[in-house]
C-alpha atoms as a PDB file:
ATOM      1  CA  UNK A   1      17.620  39.947   3.340  1.00  0.00           C
ATOM      2  CA  UNK A   2      19.971  36.946   2.902  1.00  0.00           C
ATOM      3  CA  UNK A   3      19.137  33.450   3.886  1.00  0.00           C
ATOM      4  CA  UNK A   4      21.571  30.553   4.757  1.00  0.00           C
ATOM      5  CA  UNK A   5      19.400  27.752   3.071  1.00  0.00           C
ATOM      6  CA  UNK A   6      15.685  27.179   1.366  1.00  0.00           C
ATOM      7  CA  UNK A   7      13.308  24.356   1.854  1.00  0.00           C
ATOM      8  CA  UNK A   8      11.137  23.211  -0.752  1.00  0.00           C
ATOM      9  CA  UNK A   9       8.305  20.451  -0.931  1.00  0.00           C
ATOM     10  CA  UNK A  10       8.901  18.869  -4.117  1.00  0.00           C
ATOM     11  CA  UNK A  11       6.541  16.092  -5.218  1.00  0.00           C
ATOM     12  CA  UNK A  12       3.425  18.060  -6.140  1.00  0.00           C
ATOM     13  CA  UNK A  13       4.458  21.666  -5.790  1.00  0.00           C
ATOM     14  CA  UNK A  14       7.811  22.232  -7.439  1.00  0.00           C
ATOM     15  CA  UNK A  15       6.879  18.646  -9.796  1.00  0.00           C
ATOM     16  CA  UNK A  16       4.189  16.914 -11.438  1.00  0.00           C
ATOM     17  CA  UNK A  17       5.412  13.392  -9.985  1.00  0.00           C
ATOM     18  CA  UNK A  18       2.076  12.166 -10.653  1.00  0.00           C
ATOM     19  CA  UNK A  19       2.319   9.993 -13.739  1.00  0.00           C
ATOM     20  CA  UNK A  20       5.454   8.339 -12.551  1.00  0.00           C
ATOM     21  CA  UNK A  21       3.875   7.678  -9.057  1.00  0.00           C
ATOM     22  CA  UNK A  22       1.109   5.863 -10.714  1.00  0.00           C
ATOM     23  CA  UNK A  23       2.967   4.124 -13.351  1.00  0.00           C
ATOM     24  CA  UNK A  24       4.794   2.645 -10.301  1.00  0.00           C
ATOM     25  CA  UNK A  25       1.977   1.434  -8.238  1.00  0.00           C
ATOM     26  CA  UNK A  26      -0.417  -0.057 -11.411  1.00  0.00           C
ATOM     27  CA  UNK A  27       3.069  -1.921 -11.999  1.00  0.00           C
ATOM     28  CA  UNK A  28       3.124  -3.328  -8.509  1.00  0.00           C
ATOM     29  CA  UNK A  29      -1.043  -4.000  -8.459  1.00  0.00           C
ATOM     30  CA  UNK A  30      -0.512  -5.731 -11.854  1.00  0.00           C
ATOM     31  CA  UNK A  31       2.230  -7.353 -10.841  1.00  0.00           C
ATOM     32  CA  UNK A  32      -0.079  -8.751  -7.696  1.00  0.00           C
ATOM     33  CA  UNK A  33      -2.954  -9.476  -9.519  1.00  0.00           C
ATOM     34  CA  UNK A  34      -4.927  -6.530  -8.955  1.00  0.00           C
ATOM     35  CA  UNK A  35      -6.548  -4.061 -11.420  1.00  0.00           C
ATOM     36  CA  UNK A  36      -4.714  -0.972 -12.264  1.00  0.00           C
ATOM     37  CA  UNK A  37      -5.942   2.753 -11.627  1.00  0.00           C
ATOM     38  CA  UNK A  38      -5.765   5.257 -14.071  1.00  0.00           C
ATOM     39  CA  UNK A  39      -3.606   8.424 -13.533  1.00  0.00           C
ATOM     40  CA  UNK A  40      -6.271  10.873 -12.340  1.00  0.00           C
ATOM     41  CA  UNK A  41      -7.864   8.409  -9.812  1.00  0.00           C
ATOM     42  CA  UNK A  42      -3.730   9.001  -8.217  1.00  0.00           C
ATOM     43  CA  UNK A  43      -5.262  12.397  -7.215  1.00  0.00           C
ATOM     44  CA  UNK A  44      -6.972  11.079  -4.457  1.00  0.00           C
ATOM     45  CA  UNK A  45      -4.503   8.552  -3.519  1.00  0.00           C
ATOM     46  CA  UNK A  46      -1.232  10.791  -3.060  1.00  0.00           C
ATOM     47  CA  UNK A  47      -0.636  13.188  -0.302  1.00  0.00           C
ATOM     48  CA  UNK A  48       0.028  11.280   2.956  1.00  0.00           C
ATOM     49  CA  UNK A  49       2.746   9.125   1.903  1.00  0.00           C
ATOM     50  CA  UNK A  50       3.550   5.864   0.582  1.00  0.00           C
ATOM     51  CA  UNK A  51       1.498   3.470   2.925  1.00  0.00           C
ATOM     52  CA  UNK A  52      -1.401   6.032   2.466  1.00  0.00           C
ATOM     53  CA  UNK A  53      -0.881   5.669  -1.096  1.00  0.00           C
ATOM     54  CA  UNK A  54      -0.871   1.538  -1.746  1.00  0.00           C
ATOM     55  CA  UNK A  55      -3.545   1.509   1.082  1.00  0.00           C
ATOM     56  CA  UNK A  56      -6.133   4.028  -0.831  1.00  0.00           C
ATOM     57  CA  UNK A  57      -4.790   1.966  -4.326  1.00  0.00           C
ATOM     58  CA  UNK A  58      -5.273  -1.614  -2.769  1.00  0.00           C
ATOM     59  CA  UNK A  59      -8.974  -2.903  -2.982  1.00  0.00           C
ATOM     60  CA  UNK A  60     -10.466  -3.188   0.312  1.00  0.00           C
ATOM     61  CA  UNK A  61     -10.102  -6.636   0.799  1.00  0.00           C
ATOM     62  CA  UNK A  62      -6.560  -6.437   0.172  1.00  0.00           C
ATOM     63  CA  UNK A  63      -5.780  -4.102   2.895  1.00  0.00           C
ATOM     64  CA  UNK A  64      -4.338  -5.945   5.557  1.00  0.00           C
ATOM     65  CA  UNK A  65      -1.091  -4.808   7.416  1.00  0.00           C
ATOM     66  CA  UNK A  66       1.522  -7.544   5.810  1.00  0.00           C
ATOM     67  CA  UNK A  67       0.342  -7.076   2.214  1.00  0.00           C
ATOM     68  CA  UNK A  68       0.319  -3.204   2.594  1.00  0.00           C
ATOM     69  CA  UNK A  69       3.871  -3.368   3.414  1.00  0.00           C
ATOM     70  CA  UNK A  70       4.572  -5.851   0.801  1.00  0.00           C
ATOM     71  CA  UNK A  71       3.416  -3.574  -1.987  1.00  0.00           C
ATOM     72  CA  UNK A  72       5.024  -0.513  -0.202  1.00  0.00           C
ATOM     73  CA  UNK A  73       8.638  -1.793  -0.215  1.00  0.00           C
ATOM     74  CA  UNK A  74       7.110  -3.296  -4.041  1.00  0.00           C
ATOM     75  CA  UNK A  75       6.291   0.395  -4.686  1.00  0.00           C
ATOM     76  CA  UNK A  76       9.453   2.067  -3.213  1.00  0.00           C
ATOM     77  CA  UNK A  77      11.888  -0.240  -5.428  1.00  0.00           C
ATOM     78  CA  UNK A  78       9.738   0.461  -8.411  1.00  0.00           C
ATOM     79  CA  UNK A  79       9.387   4.026  -7.991  1.00  0.00           C
ATOM     80  CA  UNK A  80      13.206   4.513  -7.058  1.00  0.00           C
ATOM     81  CA  UNK A  81      14.316   3.006 -10.306  1.00  0.00           C
ATOM     82  CA  UNK A  82      11.431   4.545 -12.692  1.00  0.00           C
ATOM     83  CA  UNK A  83      10.458   8.465 -10.499  1.00  0.00           C
ATOM     84  CA  UNK A  84      12.373  10.667 -13.256  1.00  0.00           C
ATOM     85  CA  UNK A  85      10.895   8.655 -16.525  1.00  0.00           C
ATOM     86  CA  UNK A  86       7.634  11.515 -16.530  1.00  0.00           C
ATOM     87  CA  UNK A  87       8.589  13.750 -14.067  1.00  0.00           C
ATOM     88  CA  UNK A  88       8.608  17.596 -14.908  1.00  0.00           C
ATOM     89  CA  UNK A  89       8.741  20.926 -13.320  1.00  0.00           C
ATOM     90  CA  UNK A  90       5.310  22.776 -13.483  1.00  0.00           C
ATOM     91  CA  UNK A  91       5.550  26.291 -16.037  1.00  0.00           C
ATOM     92  CA  UNK A  92       7.142  28.598 -14.730  1.00  0.00           C
ATOM     93  CA  UNK A  93       9.002  27.041 -11.744  1.00  0.00           C
ATOM     94  CA  UNK A  94      12.249  26.869 -13.148  1.00  0.00           C
ATOM     95  CA  UNK A  95      12.336  30.723 -14.165  1.00  0.00           C
ATOM     96  CA  UNK A  96      11.005  30.975 -10.330  1.00  0.00           C
ATOM     97  CA  UNK A  97      13.673  29.171  -8.977  1.00  0.00           C
ATOM     98  CA  UNK A  98      16.524  31.370 -10.983  1.00  0.00           C
ATOM     99  CA  UNK A  99      15.340  34.466  -9.838  1.00  0.00           C
END
């Protein structure tokens, strides 16, 4: 069978980007005076987009719409500059895609 194209989900499927996401969010949290989280905590924070990630990473008393938007925008900028520092393909992915 011949295909015209293939669509892949990248983050968390083909590449492990969790550390870069965590580092970027932690940078934003620290910038605004909030405590950072361990990388493992981000496993529960990711999966529903950047707005949900920010909401989950913030303390409950800081989860108003204006701050979430501000911190999300800061996260997007931070991650945009740092998304390839630690992100790597999962084991076997390069070989699988080469086949």
